[in-house]
């Protein structure tokens, strides 16, 4: 389990021809990583006077899977970037915590070089992606941080699935949201399905309770981990952040 632990965590999927054909209004945004890889993410440019959302997805599939979930934000005129990970969506490389964070920094810097002010960026993370988004919010002065199905840390969640293994000592990728959230000053929205059986509700509450500053926790009745109503979530984001 120690040797193959990342195969138990990351489940990437390649891009399909259907996704490539139906990606509009998104176009490919390519970055060059610090270790020399060319990674492709997805970008849809909206009104330059409005905020830009950067979304970090969960551990399965690819970023293009999330294109339909962004329609409310696009309709409201916002720019949206669907960050893709190494090893996902046809990208080279193998995912790990340090590599995903390194690549996310490069993506942020490239978007800022496009002329987007970091104070006009809203970071969004879902499930695994909450770890990447939370880390970035400790380093950049962003407009807000939105966490969907957040966890305290990966070892703590894994311990629930593998109670007979010392996972806290064995896990390489930890994504310690609980520790990092304490250092974030941006407004925080945390969404969690009340029926989530993969990352149960108490984990999201734990992250929320540890956060400082302006924050809100939104329970999603009747919703689990993989059946979240993203339209409902995005409508709430626009309302709460007054966008």
Protein backbone atom coordinates (compact mmCIF):
# COMPACT_ATOMS: atom_id res chain seq x y z
CA UNK A 1 0.00 0.00 0.00
CA UNK A 2 2.88 2.36 0.72
CA UNK A 3 4.47 1.75 -2.68
CA UNK A 4 1.22 2.08 -4.64
CA UNK A 5 -0.51 4.70 -2.50
CA UNK A 6 -0.68 7.31 -5.27
CA UNK A 7 -2.52 4.84 -7.50
CA UNK A 8 -5.13 4.68 -4.74
CA UNK A 9 -5.40 8.48 -4.65
CA UNK A 10 -5.18 9.77 -8.22
CA UNK A 11 -7.52 8.48 -10.96
CA UNK A 12 -6.74 10.51 -14.11
CA UNK A 13 -8.66 10.18 -17.36
CA UNK A 14 -7.53 11.25 -20.85
CA UNK A 15 -9.43 13.74 -22.96
CA UNK A 16 -12.07 12.29 -25.25
CA UNK A 17 -12.77 13.46 -28.79
CA UNK A 18 -16.19 14.58 -27.56
CA UNK A 19 -14.59 16.82 -24.93
CA UNK A 20 -12.22 18.36 -27.46
CA UNK A 21 -15.07 19.03 -29.87
CA UNK A 22 -17.46 20.42 -27.25
CA UNK A 23 -15.18 22.59 -25.16
CA UNK A 24 -16.36 26.03 -26.38
CA UNK A 25 -16.09 28.73 -25.08
CA UNK A 26 -13.02 27.20 -23.40
CA UNK A 27 -9.69 27.13 -25.18
CA UNK A 28 -6.47 25.44 -24.17
CA UNK A 29 -4.16 27.36 -21.86
CA UNK A 30 -0.67 25.88 -21.88
CA UNK A 31 1.94 26.45 -19.19
CA UNK A 32 5.57 25.41 -18.93
CA UNK A 33 6.28 23.86 -15.54
CA UNK A 34 9.39 24.47 -13.47
CA UNK A 35 10.61 20.97 -14.31
CA UNK A 36 10.09 21.39 -18.04
CA UNK A 37 6.65 19.90 -18.79
CA UNK A 38 4.01 21.46 -21.03
CA UNK A 39 0.66 21.23 -19.27
CA UNK A 40 -2.70 22.10 -20.81
CA UNK A 41 -5.53 23.62 -18.80
CA UNK A 42 -8.76 25.23 -20.03
CA UNK A 43 -9.61 28.92 -20.09
CA UNK A 44 -12.75 30.88 -21.02
CA UNK A 45 -12.33 34.64 -21.04
CA UNK A 46 -15.25 36.80 -19.98
CA UNK A 47 -15.72 40.46 -19.07
CA UNK A 48 -12.25 41.82 -18.10
CA UNK A 49 -13.94 44.01 -15.49
CA UNK A 50 -15.25 40.95 -13.63
CA UNK A 51 -13.49 38.44 -11.42
CA UNK A 52 -11.71 35.36 -12.71
CA UNK A 53 -12.51 31.95 -11.21
CA UNK A 54 -9.79 29.30 -11.08
CA UNK A 55 -11.18 25.84 -10.39
CA UNK A 56 -9.18 22.85 -9.12
CA UNK A 57 -11.06 19.58 -9.59
CA UNK A 58 -11.16 16.33 -7.63
CA UNK A 59 -9.02 13.22 -7.92
CA UNK A 60 -10.84 11.53 -10.81
CA UNK A 61 -11.52 12.32 -14.46
CA UNK A 62 -10.11 15.48 -16.00
CA UNK A 63 -10.72 19.22 -16.03
CA UNK A 64 -12.86 19.12 -19.17
CA UNK A 65 -15.40 17.02 -17.27
CA UNK A 66 -16.17 20.19 -15.31
CA UNK A 67 -16.99 22.43 -18.29
CA UNK A 68 -20.80 21.99 -17.92
CA UNK A 69 -20.57 22.89 -14.22
CA UNK A 70 -19.25 26.37 -15.05
CA UNK A 71 -22.19 27.60 -17.15
CA UNK A 72 -23.65 29.84 -14.41
CA UNK A 73 -20.33 31.65 -13.89
CA UNK A 74 -19.84 32.05 -17.64
CA UNK A 75 -23.37 33.33 -18.11
CA UNK A 76 -22.68 35.97 -15.44
CA UNK A 77 -19.74 37.20 -17.56
CA UNK A 78 -16.86 35.85 -15.47
CA UNK A 79 -13.66 34.38 -16.80
CA UNK A 80 -13.08 30.77 -15.76
CA UNK A 81 -9.92 28.69 -15.72
CA UNK A 82 -10.24 24.92 -15.25
CA UNK A 83 -6.84 23.96 -13.91
CA UNK A 84 -5.58 20.62 -15.13
CA UNK A 85 -3.09 18.44 -13.29
CA UNK A 86 -0.03 16.66 -14.59
CA UNK A 87 -0.97 13.14 -15.58
CA UNK A 88 -4.59 14.16 -16.23
CA UNK A 89 -6.34 15.02 -19.49
CA UNK A 90 -3.45 13.82 -21.63
CA UNK A 91 -0.86 15.88 -19.75
CA UNK A 92 2.58 14.35 -19.13
CA UNK A 93 3.99 13.63 -15.70
CA UNK A 94 2.75 11.98 -12.52
CA UNK A 95 0.67 13.79 -9.88
CA UNK A 96 1.86 14.38 -6.32
CA UNK A 97 1.19 17.08 -3.75
CA UNK A 98 4.41 18.98 -4.30
CA UNK A 99 4.11 18.80 -8.10
CA UNK A 100 0.45 19.87 -8.17
CA UNK A 101 1.23 22.84 -5.97
CA UNK A 102 4.29 23.77 -8.03
CA UNK A 103 2.22 23.65 -11.22
CA UNK A 104 -0.63 25.64 -9.65
CA UNK A 105 1.80 28.41 -8.74
CA UNK A 106 2.98 28.55 -12.35
CA UNK A 107 -0.60 28.67 -13.58
CA UNK A 108 -1.42 31.52 -11.20
CA UNK A 109 1.65 33.48 -12.25
CA UNK A 110 0.84 33.02 -15.93
CA UNK A 111 -2.73 34.25 -15.44
CA UNK A 112 -1.46 37.28 -13.54
CA UNK A 113 0.96 37.95 -16.41
CA UNK A 114 -2.09 38.07 -18.71
CA UNK A 115 -3.08 41.21 -16.80
CA UNK A 116 -5.43 39.70 -14.22
CA UNK A 117 -4.96 41.23 -10.77
CA UNK A 118 -4.58 38.55 -8.11
CA UNK A 119 -7.14 40.47 -6.00
CA UNK A 120 -9.66 39.78 -8.78
CA UNK A 121 -9.09 36.00 -8.66
CA UNK A 122 -11.45 33.65 -6.84
CA UNK A 123 -9.94 30.26 -6.08
CA UNK A 124 -12.27 27.26 -6.13
CA UNK A 125 -11.40 23.72 -5.09
CA UNK A 126 -13.49 20.58 -4.97
CA UNK A 127 -12.54 17.47 -2.98
CA UNK A 128 -8.83 16.83 -3.71
CA UNK A 129 -8.63 20.27 -5.35
CA UNK A 130 -9.43 22.00 -2.04
CA UNK A 131 -5.88 21.16 -0.98
CA UNK A 132 -4.39 22.94 -3.99
CA UNK A 133 -6.72 25.96 -3.75
CA UNK A 134 -6.15 26.35 -0.01
CA UNK A 135 -2.40 26.31 -0.42
CA UNK A 136 -2.52 28.99 -3.13
CA UNK A 137 -4.69 31.19 -0.89
CA UNK A 138 -1.84 31.26 1.63
CA UNK A 139 0.51 32.76 -0.97
CA UNK A 140 -1.69 35.04 -3.10
CA UNK A 141 -3.93 37.96 -2.11
CA UNK A 142 -7.07 36.62 -3.76
CA UNK A 143 -10.63 37.94 -3.67
CA UNK A 144 -12.09 34.79 -2.09
CA UNK A 145 -11.58 31.09 -1.50
CA UNK A 146 -14.39 28.59 -2.22
CA UNK A 147 -14.05 25.04 -0.93
CA UNK A 148 -16.43 22.27 -1.98
CA UNK A 149 -16.30 18.95 -0.10
CA UNK A 150 -13.22 19.96 1.88
CA UNK A 151 -11.18 17.70 4.16
CA UNK A 152 -8.95 18.43 7.14
CA UNK A 153 -6.04 16.44 5.72
CA UNK A 154 -5.73 13.38 3.50
CA UNK A 155 -4.19 11.20 6.24
CA UNK A 156 -7.12 11.92 8.55
CA UNK A 157 -9.66 10.92 5.89
CA UNK A 158 -7.61 7.88 4.86
CA UNK A 159 -7.48 6.71 8.47
CA UNK A 160 -11.25 6.31 8.35
CA UNK A 161 -10.95 3.93 5.39
CA UNK A 162 -7.86 2.08 6.62
CA UNK A 163 -8.13 2.11 10.43
CA UNK A 164 -5.64 -0.73 10.88
CA UNK A 165 -2.79 1.02 9.04
CA UNK A 166 -0.62 3.87 10.38
CA UNK A 167 -1.60 6.10 7.46
CA UNK A 168 -0.54 9.29 9.22
CA UNK A 169 3.03 7.99 9.10
CA UNK A 170 2.89 6.44 5.64
CA UNK A 171 1.12 8.99 3.45
CA UNK A 172 3.34 11.06 1.19
CA UNK A 173 0.68 13.51 -0.04
CA UNK A 174 -0.95 15.13 2.98
CA UNK A 175 -2.68 18.31 1.77
CA UNK A 176 -3.08 19.61 5.31
CA UNK A 177 -6.01 22.01 4.86
CA UNK A 178 -6.59 22.30 8.59
CA UNK A 179 -3.15 23.76 9.20
CA UNK A 180 -3.10 26.00 6.13
CA UNK A 181 -6.61 27.44 6.49
CA UNK A 182 -5.48 29.25 9.65
CA UNK A 183 -3.18 31.44 7.56
CA UNK A 184 -5.81 32.61 5.07
CA UNK A 185 -7.35 36.08 5.26
CA UNK A 186 -9.51 35.98 2.13
CA UNK A 187 -13.28 35.58 2.52
CA UNK A 188 -14.15 31.88 2.69
CA UNK A 189 -17.16 29.90 1.47
CA UNK A 190 -17.34 26.20 2.36
CA UNK A 191 -19.94 23.94 0.72
CA UNK A 192 -20.58 20.37 1.83
CA UNK A 193 -23.19 17.76 1.01
CA UNK A 194 -24.95 16.48 4.10
CA UNK A 195 -25.06 12.97 2.60
CA UNK A 196 -21.38 12.87 1.64
CA UNK A 197 -20.02 9.39 2.44
CA UNK A 198 -16.58 9.86 0.86
CA UNK A 199 -15.60 12.99 2.79
CA UNK A 200 -18.24 13.21 5.52
CA UNK A 201 -19.63 16.56 6.63
CA UNK A 202 -17.60 16.81 9.89
CA UNK A 203 -14.38 17.16 7.89
CA UNK A 204 -15.67 20.24 6.10
CA UNK A 205 -16.92 21.69 9.39
CA UNK A 206 -13.50 21.12 10.92
CA UNK A 207 -11.83 23.18 8.20
CA UNK A 208 -14.46 25.90 8.51
CA UNK A 209 -14.10 26.13 12.30
CA UNK A 210 -10.32 26.55 12.02
CA UNK A 211 -10.58 29.42 9.52
CA UNK A 212 -10.19 33.03 10.58
CA UNK A 213 -11.96 36.10 9.26
CA UNK A 214 -15.08 36.35 7.13
CA UNK A 215 -16.52 32.94 6.37
CA UNK A 216 -19.71 30.99 5.70
CA UNK A 217 -20.55 27.28 5.79
CA UNK A 218 -23.30 26.09 3.45
CA UNK A 219 -24.86 22.67 4.02
CA UNK A 220 -26.33 20.98 0.97
CA UNK A 221 -29.26 18.82 2.13
CA UNK A 222 -29.80 15.54 0.30
CA UNK A 223 -26.54 15.85 -1.65
CA UNK A 224 -23.54 13.55 -1.45
CA UNK A 225 -20.03 13.73 -2.83
CA UNK A 226 -20.50 13.07 -6.53
CA UNK A 227 -24.03 14.41 -7.04
CA UNK A 228 -23.57 18.02 -5.96
CA UNK A 229 -25.70 20.62 -7.71
CA UNK A 230 -23.03 22.94 -9.10
CA UNK A 231 -25.61 25.35 -10.48
CA UNK A 232 -26.98 25.81 -6.96
CA UNK A 233 -23.47 26.25 -5.58
CA UNK A 234 -22.46 28.79 -8.23
CA UNK A 235 -25.66 30.79 -7.81
CA UNK A 236 -24.92 30.98 -4.10
CA UNK A 237 -21.33 32.06 -4.74
CA UNK A 238 -22.45 34.91 -6.98
CA UNK A 239 -25.04 36.01 -4.42
CA UNK A 240 -22.81 35.82 -1.34
CA UNK A 241 -19.83 37.50 -2.99
CA UNK A 242 -22.17 40.03 -4.66
CA UNK A 243 -20.74 39.44 -8.11
